[in-house]
């Protein structure tokens, strides 16, 4: 049985697995999209965040879902965004720091799961604090 899925990682640039994970999923300029089968990486690509300069609450979960992602990894995200991803049947894991490739490897080993509340001061996009 195949365990294929697409993992979207919020990142600061378009270097793919060499990018740094962004501290906030909605305010990052790029996403690294990684297609995996089990723990094997099949494809890596990047996508520009069309809402980077005009963050609109609720828009990013829809955008990431429409990219075909099953999982979103980021440094931080608010509870409303987490709930929206979950309502789409997606997993949201936060608290990720470092290079995308290392974070992805840790996630695939089960070392990253669950959510850490966003610590940024923009309650309009993170659901308040």
N, C-alpha and C. Protein backbone atom coordinates (compact mmCIF):
# COMPACT_ATOMS: atom_id res chain seq x y z
N UNK A 1 0.83 -1.18 0.00
CA UNK A 1 0.00 0.00 0.00
C UNK A 1 0.88 1.25 0.00
N UNK A 2 0.56 2.17 -0.85
CA UNK A 2 1.34 3.39 -0.99
C UNK A 2 0.94 4.40 0.08
N UNK A 3 1.91 5.12 0.56
CA UNK A 3 1.66 6.19 1.53
C UNK A 3 2.07 7.51 0.91
N UNK A 4 1.65 7.73 -0.33
CA UNK A 4 2.01 8.97 -1.02
C UNK A 4 1.24 10.14 -0.43
N UNK A 5 1.97 11.24 -0.28
CA UNK A 5 1.35 12.48 0.18
C UNK A 5 2.24 13.64 -0.22
N UNK A 6 1.67 14.82 -0.18
CA UNK A 6 2.41 16.03 -0.48
C UNK A 6 2.49 16.88 0.78
N UNK A 7 3.70 17.26 1.13
CA UNK A 7 3.96 18.05 2.32
C UNK A 7 4.37 19.45 1.89
N UNK A 8 3.66 20.46 2.37
CA UNK A 8 3.99 21.85 2.08
C UNK A 8 4.73 22.41 3.29
N UNK A 9 5.88 23.03 3.04
CA UNK A 9 6.67 23.62 4.12
C UNK A 9 6.81 25.12 3.86
N UNK A 10 6.35 25.93 4.81
CA UNK A 10 6.48 27.38 4.69
C UNK A 10 7.96 27.73 4.75
N UNK A 11 8.44 28.52 3.78
CA UNK A 11 9.88 28.83 3.77
C UNK A 11 10.16 30.25 3.30
N UNK A 12 11.39 30.66 3.55
CA UNK A 12 11.79 32.03 3.28
C UNK A 12 12.28 32.32 1.88
N UNK A 13 12.59 31.29 1.09
CA UNK A 13 13.05 31.52 -0.28
C UNK A 13 12.72 30.30 -1.14
N UNK A 14 13.21 30.31 -2.37
CA UNK A 14 12.84 29.25 -3.32
C UNK A 14 13.95 28.21 -3.52
N UNK A 15 14.75 27.97 -2.48
CA UNK A 15 15.84 27.00 -2.60
C UNK A 15 15.42 25.57 -2.25
N UNK A 16 14.12 25.33 -2.12
CA UNK A 16 13.64 23.98 -1.87
C UNK A 16 14.09 23.43 -0.54
N UNK A 17 14.71 22.26 -0.56
CA UNK A 17 15.14 21.60 0.67
C UNK A 17 16.21 22.38 1.42
N UNK A 18 16.89 23.32 0.75
CA UNK A 18 17.93 24.13 1.39
C UNK A 18 17.39 25.43 1.98
N UNK A 19 16.11 25.71 1.80
CA UNK A 19 15.49 26.91 2.37
C UNK A 19 15.39 26.77 3.88
N UNK A 20 15.20 27.90 4.55
CA UNK A 20 14.92 27.90 5.98
C UNK A 20 13.41 27.94 6.17
N UNK A 21 12.92 27.19 7.15
CA UNK A 21 11.50 27.18 7.46
C UNK A 21 11.11 28.56 7.97
N UNK A 22 9.96 29.04 7.50
CA UNK A 22 9.46 30.35 7.91
C UNK A 22 8.82 30.26 9.29
N UNK A 23 8.95 31.34 10.04
CA UNK A 23 8.37 31.41 11.38
C UNK A 23 6.84 31.45 11.33
N UNK A 24 6.25 31.85 10.22
CA UNK A 24 4.80 31.94 10.12
C UNK A 24 4.33 31.49 8.75
N UNK A 25 3.36 30.60 8.73
CA UNK A 25 2.93 29.99 7.47
C UNK A 25 2.29 30.98 6.50
N UNK A 26 1.63 32.00 6.96
CA UNK A 26 0.93 32.93 6.08
C UNK A 26 1.77 34.09 5.61
N UNK A 27 2.86 34.35 6.29
CA UNK A 27 3.69 35.51 5.97
C UNK A 27 5.03 35.10 5.37
N UNK A 28 5.05 33.95 4.73
CA UNK A 28 6.28 33.51 4.07
C UNK A 28 6.16 33.75 2.57
N UNK A 29 7.27 33.98 1.89
CA UNK A 29 7.21 34.23 0.45
C UNK A 29 7.05 32.97 -0.40
N UNK A 30 7.45 31.81 0.13
CA UNK A 30 7.42 30.58 -0.67
C UNK A 30 6.98 29.39 0.17
N UNK A 31 6.60 28.35 -0.55
CA UNK A 31 6.37 27.03 0.03
C UNK A 31 7.20 26.03 -0.74
N UNK A 32 7.84 25.13 -0.02
CA UNK A 32 8.49 24.00 -0.65
C UNK A 32 7.48 22.86 -0.59
N UNK A 33 7.18 22.28 -1.74
CA UNK A 33 6.23 21.17 -1.83
C UNK A 33 7.02 19.90 -2.08
N UNK A 34 6.84 18.93 -1.21
CA UNK A 34 7.60 17.70 -1.29
C UNK A 34 6.63 16.53 -1.41
N UNK A 35 6.73 15.82 -2.52
CA UNK A 35 5.92 14.61 -2.73
C UNK A 35 6.72 13.45 -2.18
N UNK A 36 6.13 12.71 -1.24
CA UNK A 36 6.81 11.56 -0.64
C UNK A 36 5.96 10.32 -0.80
N UNK A 37 6.63 9.18 -0.82
CA UNK A 37 5.98 7.88 -0.78
C UNK A 37 6.58 7.18 0.43
N UNK A 38 5.80 7.12 1.51
CA UNK A 38 6.36 6.64 2.76
C UNK A 38 7.36 7.65 3.27
N UNK A 39 8.63 7.28 3.31
CA UNK A 39 9.67 8.23 3.71
C UNK A 39 10.59 8.60 2.55
N UNK A 40 10.26 8.14 1.35
CA UNK A 40 11.09 8.42 0.17
C UNK A 40 10.60 9.67 -0.55
N UNK A 41 11.50 10.61 -0.76
CA UNK A 41 11.19 11.83 -1.49
C UNK A 41 11.11 11.52 -2.98
N UNK A 42 9.98 11.86 -3.59
CA UNK A 42 9.77 11.61 -5.01
C UNK A 42 9.94 12.86 -5.87
N UNK A 43 9.53 14.02 -5.32
CA UNK A 43 9.58 15.25 -6.10
C UNK A 43 9.63 16.45 -5.16
N UNK A 44 10.41 17.46 -5.52
CA UNK A 44 10.49 18.70 -4.76
C UNK A 44 10.28 19.86 -5.71
N UNK A 45 9.41 20.78 -5.34
CA UNK A 45 9.21 21.99 -6.13
C UNK A 45 8.86 23.13 -5.18
N UNK A 46 8.89 24.35 -5.69
CA UNK A 46 8.54 25.50 -4.86
C UNK A 46 7.35 26.22 -5.49
N UNK A 47 6.60 26.90 -4.64
CA UNK A 47 5.47 27.70 -5.09
C UNK A 47 5.54 29.05 -4.39
N UNK A 48 5.31 30.11 -5.13
CA UNK A 48 5.27 31.45 -4.55
C UNK A 48 3.95 31.64 -3.81
N UNK A 49 4.02 32.36 -2.72
CA UNK A 49 2.82 32.68 -1.94
C UNK A 49 2.17 33.91 -2.57
N UNK A 50 1.01 33.76 -3.22
CA UNK A 50 0.38 34.91 -3.87
C UNK A 50 -0.17 35.92 -2.87
N UNK A 51 -0.26 35.55 -1.61
CA UNK A 51 -0.80 36.43 -0.58
C UNK A 51 0.29 37.00 0.32
N UNK A 52 1.55 36.86 -0.09
CA UNK A 52 2.68 37.26 0.75
C UNK A 52 2.57 38.70 1.24
N UNK A 53 2.25 39.63 0.35
CA UNK A 53 2.16 41.05 0.73
C UNK A 53 0.77 41.50 1.11
N UNK A 54 -0.20 40.62 1.01
CA UNK A 54 -1.58 41.00 1.34
C UNK A 54 -2.25 39.85 2.07
N UNK A 55 -1.69 39.48 3.20
CA UNK A 55 -2.20 38.35 3.98
C UNK A 55 -3.69 38.53 4.29
N UNK A 56 -4.49 37.58 3.85
CA UNK A 56 -5.93 37.61 4.07
C UNK A 56 -6.31 36.40 4.91
N UNK A 57 -6.86 36.61 6.12
CA UNK A 57 -7.23 35.47 6.95
C UNK A 57 -8.12 34.48 6.19
N UNK A 58 -7.77 33.21 6.28
CA UNK A 58 -8.54 32.15 5.63
C UNK A 58 -8.09 31.82 4.22
N UNK A 59 -7.32 32.71 3.58
CA UNK A 59 -6.91 32.47 2.19
C UNK A 59 -5.80 31.43 2.08
N UNK A 60 -4.87 31.42 3.04
CA UNK A 60 -3.72 30.52 2.92
C UNK A 60 -4.09 29.04 3.03
N UNK A 61 -4.96 28.64 3.97
CA UNK A 61 -5.32 27.22 3.99
C UNK A 61 -5.95 26.76 2.67
N UNK A 62 -6.76 27.61 2.06
CA UNK A 62 -7.36 27.26 0.77
C UNK A 62 -6.29 27.15 -0.30
N UNK A 63 -5.36 28.11 -0.34
CA UNK A 63 -4.27 28.09 -1.32
C UNK A 63 -3.44 26.81 -1.18
N UNK A 64 -3.06 26.48 0.06
CA UNK A 64 -2.22 25.31 0.28
C UNK A 64 -2.97 24.02 -0.03
N UNK A 65 -4.24 23.95 0.32
CA UNK A 65 -5.06 22.79 -0.05
C UNK A 65 -5.10 22.64 -1.58
N UNK A 66 -5.29 23.76 -2.27
CA UNK A 66 -5.39 23.73 -3.73
C UNK A 66 -4.07 23.34 -4.40
N UNK A 67 -2.94 23.46 -3.68
CA UNK A 67 -1.65 22.99 -4.20
C UNK A 67 -1.57 21.47 -4.14
N UNK A 68 -2.54 20.85 -3.48
CA UNK A 68 -2.57 19.39 -3.37
C UNK A 68 -1.88 18.86 -2.12
N UNK A 69 -1.61 19.75 -1.16
CA UNK A 69 -0.90 19.33 0.05
C UNK A 69 -1.82 18.54 0.99
N UNK A 70 -1.23 17.55 1.64
CA UNK A 70 -1.91 16.77 2.67
C UNK A 70 -1.46 17.19 4.06
N UNK A 71 -0.27 17.83 4.12
CA UNK A 71 0.36 18.22 5.38
C UNK A 71 0.96 19.61 5.19
N UNK A 72 0.88 20.44 6.24
CA UNK A 72 1.56 21.73 6.24
C UNK A 72 2.49 21.77 7.45
N UNK A 73 3.75 22.13 7.21
CA UNK A 73 4.74 22.30 8.27
C UNK A 73 5.16 23.76 8.28
N UNK A 74 5.21 24.34 9.47
CA UNK A 74 5.61 25.74 9.59
C UNK A 74 6.15 26.00 10.97
N UNK A 75 6.75 27.17 11.12
CA UNK A 75 7.23 27.57 12.44
C UNK A 75 6.06 27.86 13.36
N UNK A 76 5.07 28.60 12.88
CA UNK A 76 3.92 28.95 13.69
C UNK A 76 2.68 29.16 12.86
N UNK A 77 1.53 29.03 13.55
CA UNK A 77 0.24 29.25 12.91
C UNK A 77 -0.80 29.35 14.01
N UNK A 78 -1.80 30.15 13.78
CA UNK A 78 -2.84 30.35 14.78
C UNK A 78 -3.87 29.24 14.80
N UNK A 79 -4.66 29.19 15.87
CA UNK A 79 -5.62 28.10 16.04
C UNK A 79 -6.70 28.07 14.97
N UNK A 80 -7.13 29.21 14.46
CA UNK A 80 -8.16 29.20 13.40
C UNK A 80 -7.61 28.57 12.13
N UNK A 81 -6.37 28.87 11.79
CA UNK A 81 -5.77 28.26 10.60
C UNK A 81 -5.63 26.75 10.79
N UNK A 82 -5.17 26.33 11.97
CA UNK A 82 -5.04 24.89 12.24
C UNK A 82 -6.39 24.21 12.06
N UNK A 83 -7.44 24.80 12.61
CA UNK A 83 -8.78 24.22 12.48
C UNK A 83 -9.22 24.15 11.03
N UNK A 84 -8.91 25.18 10.25
CA UNK A 84 -9.29 25.19 8.85
C UNK A 84 -8.57 24.08 8.08
N UNK A 85 -7.26 23.93 8.31
CA UNK A 85 -6.52 22.85 7.67
C UNK A 85 -7.13 21.50 8.04
N UNK A 86 -7.42 21.33 9.33
CA UNK A 86 -8.00 20.06 9.77
C UNK A 86 -9.36 19.82 9.15
N UNK A 87 -10.15 20.87 8.95
CA UNK A 87 -11.46 20.71 8.32
C UNK A 87 -11.32 20.26 6.87
N UNK A 88 -10.16 20.51 6.25
CA UNK A 88 -9.88 20.06 4.89
C UNK A 88 -9.29 18.65 4.89
N UNK A 89 -9.12 18.06 6.08
CA UNK A 89 -8.53 16.73 6.18
C UNK A 89 -7.02 16.75 6.10
N UNK A 90 -6.43 17.92 6.35
CA UNK A 90 -4.98 18.08 6.29
C UNK A 90 -4.39 18.08 7.69
N UNK A 91 -3.15 17.64 7.81
CA UNK A 91 -2.42 17.71 9.07
C UNK A 91 -1.63 19.01 9.10
N UNK A 92 -1.66 19.69 10.24
CA UNK A 92 -0.87 20.90 10.43
C UNK A 92 0.08 20.67 11.59
N UNK A 93 1.37 20.81 11.33
CA UNK A 93 2.38 20.64 12.38
C UNK A 93 3.24 21.90 12.41
N UNK A 94 3.42 22.44 13.60
CA UNK A 94 4.18 23.67 13.73
C UNK A 94 5.31 23.48 14.73
N UNK A 95 6.06 24.54 14.93
CA UNK A 95 7.21 24.48 15.83
C UNK A 95 8.47 24.07 15.10
N UNK A 96 8.39 23.98 13.77
CA UNK A 96 9.54 23.57 12.96
C UNK A 96 10.51 24.73 12.80
N UNK A 97 11.79 24.46 13.00
CA UNK A 97 12.84 25.45 12.83
C UNK A 97 14.00 24.83 12.08
N UNK A 98 14.67 25.63 11.24
CA UNK A 98 15.86 25.13 10.56
C UNK A 98 15.65 24.96 9.07
N UNK A 99 16.52 24.17 8.49
CA UNK A 99 16.51 23.93 7.05
C UNK A 99 15.35 23.00 6.70
N UNK A 100 14.66 23.28 5.59
CA UNK A 100 13.50 22.50 5.17
C UNK A 100 13.83 21.01 5.09
N UNK A 101 14.97 20.65 4.51
CA UNK A 101 15.33 19.24 4.37
C UNK A 101 15.43 18.53 5.70
N UNK A 102 16.03 19.20 6.70
CA UNK A 102 16.18 18.60 8.03
C UNK A 102 14.83 18.50 8.73
N UNK A 103 13.99 19.52 8.58
CA UNK A 103 12.66 19.50 9.18
C UNK A 103 11.81 18.40 8.55
N UNK A 104 11.89 18.27 7.25
CA UNK A 104 11.14 17.22 6.56
C UNK A 104 11.59 15.84 7.04
N UNK A 105 12.89 15.64 7.16
CA UNK A 105 13.42 14.37 7.64
C UNK A 105 12.91 14.07 9.05
N UNK A 106 12.92 15.06 9.92
CA UNK A 106 12.42 14.87 11.29
C UNK A 106 10.93 14.55 11.28
N UNK A 107 10.17 15.23 10.43
CA UNK A 107 8.74 14.95 10.35
C UNK A 107 8.49 13.51 9.89
N UNK A 108 9.21 13.09 8.87
CA UNK A 108 9.02 11.73 8.34
C UNK A 108 9.42 10.66 9.35
N UNK A 109 10.28 11.02 10.29
CA UNK A 109 10.67 10.09 11.37
C UNK A 109 9.72 10.16 12.56
N UNK A 110 8.70 11.03 12.47
CA UNK A 110 7.74 11.16 13.56
C UNK A 110 8.20 12.06 14.69
N UNK A 111 9.22 12.85 14.46
CA UNK A 111 9.78 13.71 15.50
C UNK A 111 9.12 15.08 15.56
N UNK A 112 8.32 15.43 14.55
CA UNK A 112 7.59 16.69 14.53
C UNK A 112 6.12 16.36 14.32
N UNK A 113 5.31 16.76 15.26
CA UNK A 113 3.87 16.58 15.13
C UNK A 113 3.19 17.52 16.09
N UNK A 114 1.96 17.82 15.82
CA UNK A 114 1.21 18.73 16.67
C UNK A 114 1.48 20.18 16.35
N UNK A 115 0.89 21.05 17.14
CA UNK A 115 1.01 22.47 16.85
C UNK A 115 1.53 23.23 18.06
N UNK A 116 2.27 24.27 17.76
CA UNK A 116 2.77 25.22 18.75
C UNK A 116 2.12 26.54 18.39
N UNK A 117 1.48 27.22 19.33
CA UNK A 117 0.79 28.47 19.00
C UNK A 117 1.72 29.50 18.38
N UNK A 118 1.17 30.25 17.47
CA UNK A 118 1.91 31.35 16.84
C UNK A 118 2.21 32.40 17.90
N UNK A 119 3.44 32.93 17.88
CA UNK A 119 3.80 33.94 18.87
C UNK A 119 3.97 35.33 18.26
N UNK A 120 3.42 35.51 17.07
CA UNK A 120 3.52 36.80 16.40
C UNK A 120 2.36 37.69 16.83
N UNK A 121 2.58 38.99 16.78
CA UNK A 121 1.56 39.93 17.20
C UNK A 121 0.73 40.40 16.01
N UNK A 122 -0.14 39.54 15.54
CA UNK A 122 -1.08 39.90 14.48
C UNK A 122 -2.34 39.05 14.64
N UNK A 123 -3.14 39.33 15.68
CA UNK A 123 -4.30 38.50 16.01
C UNK A 123 -5.34 38.43 14.88
N UNK A 124 -5.32 39.39 13.98
CA UNK A 124 -6.29 39.35 12.88
C UNK A 124 -6.07 38.15 11.96
N UNK A 125 -4.87 37.61 11.92
CA UNK A 125 -4.61 36.48 11.03
C UNK A 125 -4.33 35.19 11.78
N UNK A 126 -4.16 35.25 13.07
CA UNK A 126 -3.83 34.04 13.83
C UNK A 126 -4.90 33.65 14.83
N UNK A 127 -5.98 34.36 14.84
CA UNK A 127 -7.07 33.97 15.73
C UNK A 127 -7.00 34.57 17.12
N UNK A 128 -6.14 35.53 17.31
CA UNK A 128 -6.04 36.18 18.61
C UNK A 128 -5.16 35.40 19.57
N UNK A 129 -4.80 36.03 20.67
CA UNK A 129 -3.92 35.38 21.63
C UNK A 129 -4.41 35.65 23.03
